[in-house]
Amino acid sequence: MRHNGGKIGEWGQAMQKKTVTTWGLAAILALGLTACGPRGAISEACMTGGRSAANYQLCSCVQNVADQTLSGSEQRRAADFFGEPDRAQAMRTSSSQRDRDFWTRYRAFTNTAASRCG
């Protein structure tokens, strides 16, 4: 049996390089995704709505609930309420069946978000 003096050899070096590269890319992706912050109409409105209680954790939680309970267009519609609360009142009192249906889903979203996100 021949000893190579502790040298890994070409194949071993290639495998080490591939492993380091893979882990490096994984770390960059993980850091990049966390730096992006919450994504979605609700989380963006939450973070920029000017409320002192808004933070990454809360807004991410609320966005997760929105993703489970509202469609994308409903999320954009609901996000408007953060900047213009009077629009929520107008929606709530609307005589349109479409608005009433949306309001029912929106209330389910807010109730779920309140119970899950605090």
Protein backbone atom coordinates (compact mmCIF):
# COMPACT_ATOMS: atom_id res chain seq x y z
CA MET A 1 0.00 0.00 0.00
CA ARG A 2 1.45 3.30 -1.05
CA HIS A 3 1.13 6.38 1.15
CA ASN A 4 0.88 9.69 -0.65
CA GLY A 5 2.25 11.78 2.22
CA GLY A 6 -1.10 13.20 3.34
CA LYS A 7 -1.93 14.57 -0.10
CA ILE A 8 -5.53 14.28 -1.15
CA GLY A 9 -4.97 13.87 -4.85
CA GLU A 10 -6.76 15.52 -7.75
CA TRP A 11 -10.09 13.77 -7.22
CA GLY A 12 -10.15 14.61 -3.50
CA GLN A 13 -9.27 18.24 -4.17
CA ALA A 14 -12.04 18.51 -6.74
CA MET A 15 -14.55 17.06 -4.26
CA GLN A 16 -13.42 19.45 -1.51
CA LYS A 17 -13.69 22.40 -3.88
CA LYS A 18 -17.18 21.31 -4.99
CA THR A 19 -18.32 20.89 -1.36
CA VAL A 20 -16.98 24.30 -0.35
CA THR A 21 -18.61 25.90 -3.39
CA THR A 22 -21.96 24.23 -2.67
CA TRP A 23 -21.95 25.30 0.98
CA GLY A 24 -20.82 28.80 0.03
CA LEU A 25 -23.68 29.20 -2.44
CA ALA A 26 -26.16 27.87 0.11
CA ALA A 27 -24.95 30.38 2.70
CA ILE A 28 -25.16 33.27 0.24
CA LEU A 29 -28.69 32.29 -0.78
CA ALA A 30 -29.82 31.93 2.83
CA LEU A 31 -28.40 35.31 3.79
CA GLY A 32 -29.80 36.92 0.67
CA LEU A 33 -33.29 35.63 1.31
CA THR A 34 -33.34 36.80 4.91
CA ALA A 35 -32.01 40.22 3.92
CA CYS A 36 -34.86 40.66 1.47
CA GLY A 37 -37.40 40.85 4.25
CA PRO A 38 -40.99 39.82 3.96
CA ARG A 39 -42.38 39.74 0.45
CA GLY A 40 -45.93 40.45 -0.55
CA ALA A 41 -48.38 43.31 -0.66
CA ILE A 42 -49.51 42.83 2.94
CA SER A 43 -46.03 42.62 4.47
CA GLU A 44 -44.81 45.63 2.50
CA ALA A 45 -47.84 47.66 3.59
CA CYS A 46 -47.31 46.45 7.16
CA MET A 47 -43.65 47.50 7.20
CA THR A 48 -44.25 50.89 5.58
CA GLY A 49 -47.58 51.69 7.22
CA GLY A 50 -46.04 53.83 9.94
CA ARG A 51 -47.18 51.74 12.89
CA SER A 52 -44.71 51.53 15.76
CA ALA A 53 -45.49 47.86 16.44
CA ALA A 54 -44.58 46.82 12.88
CA ASN A 55 -41.50 44.63 12.66
CA TYR A 56 -40.12 41.90 10.44
CA GLN A 57 -41.50 39.04 12.53
CA LEU A 58 -45.02 40.47 12.84
CA CYS A 59 -45.28 41.53 9.20
CA SER A 60 -43.97 38.15 8.01
CA CYS A 61 -46.54 36.37 10.14
CA VAL A 62 -49.36 38.54 8.81
CA GLN A 63 -48.14 37.93 5.24
CA ASN A 64 -48.13 34.17 5.84
CA VAL A 65 -51.74 34.34 7.01
CA ALA A 66 -52.63 36.46 3.98
CA ASP A 67 -51.01 33.90 1.68
CA GLN A 68 -53.24 31.21 3.21
CA THR A 69 -56.51 33.16 3.25
CA LEU A 70 -56.50 35.76 0.44
CA SER A 71 -55.74 35.68 -3.27
CA GLY A 72 -53.01 37.92 -4.66
CA SER A 73 -55.51 40.52 -5.88
CA GLU A 74 -57.30 40.44 -2.53
CA GLN A 75 -53.98 40.98 -0.76
CA ARG A 76 -53.29 44.06 -2.90
CA ARG A 77 -56.78 45.33 -2.17
CA ALA A 78 -56.36 44.77 1.58
CA ALA A 79 -52.89 46.38 1.54
CA ASP A 80 -54.55 49.66 0.56
CA PHE A 81 -56.27 49.68 3.97
CA PHE A 82 -52.90 50.14 5.71
CA GLY A 83 -52.36 53.50 4.05
CA GLU A 84 -55.99 54.54 3.78
CA PRO A 85 -58.07 53.13 6.67
CA ASP A 86 -61.16 54.99 5.39
CA ARG A 87 -61.19 52.63 2.41
CA ALA A 88 -61.81 49.73 4.78
CA GLN A 89 -64.87 51.51 6.18
CA ALA A 90 -66.17 52.21 2.67
CA MET A 91 -65.64 48.56 1.75
CA ARG A 92 -67.39 47.35 4.89
CA THR A 93 -70.49 49.46 4.20
CA SER A 94 -70.59 48.87 0.44
CA SER A 95 -73.79 47.48 -1.06
CA SER A 96 -71.88 45.56 -3.74
CA GLN A 97 -72.05 41.78 -3.39
CA ARG A 98 -68.44 41.55 -4.58
CA ASP A 99 -67.36 43.95 -1.82
CA ARG A 100 -69.39 42.09 0.81
CA ASP A 101 -67.82 38.78 -0.24
CA PHE A 102 -64.36 40.33 -0.07
CA TRP A 103 -65.15 41.83 3.34
CA THR A 104 -66.12 38.39 4.67
CA ARG A 105 -62.78 36.93 3.52
CA TYR A 106 -60.91 40.00 4.78
CA ARG A 107 -62.45 39.67 8.27
CA ALA A 108 -61.50 35.98 8.33
CA PHE A 109 -57.94 37.03 7.42
CA THR A 110 -57.75 39.71 10.14
CA ASN A 111 -59.20 37.40 12.79
CA THR A 112 -56.75 34.63 11.89
CA ALA A 113 -53.81 37.06 11.79
CA ALA A 114 -54.77 38.47 15.19
CA SER A 115 -54.91 35.02 16.77
CA ARG A 116 -51.71 33.68 15.15
CA CYS A 117 -49.53 36.78 15.11
CA GLY A 118 -50.56 38.50 18.32
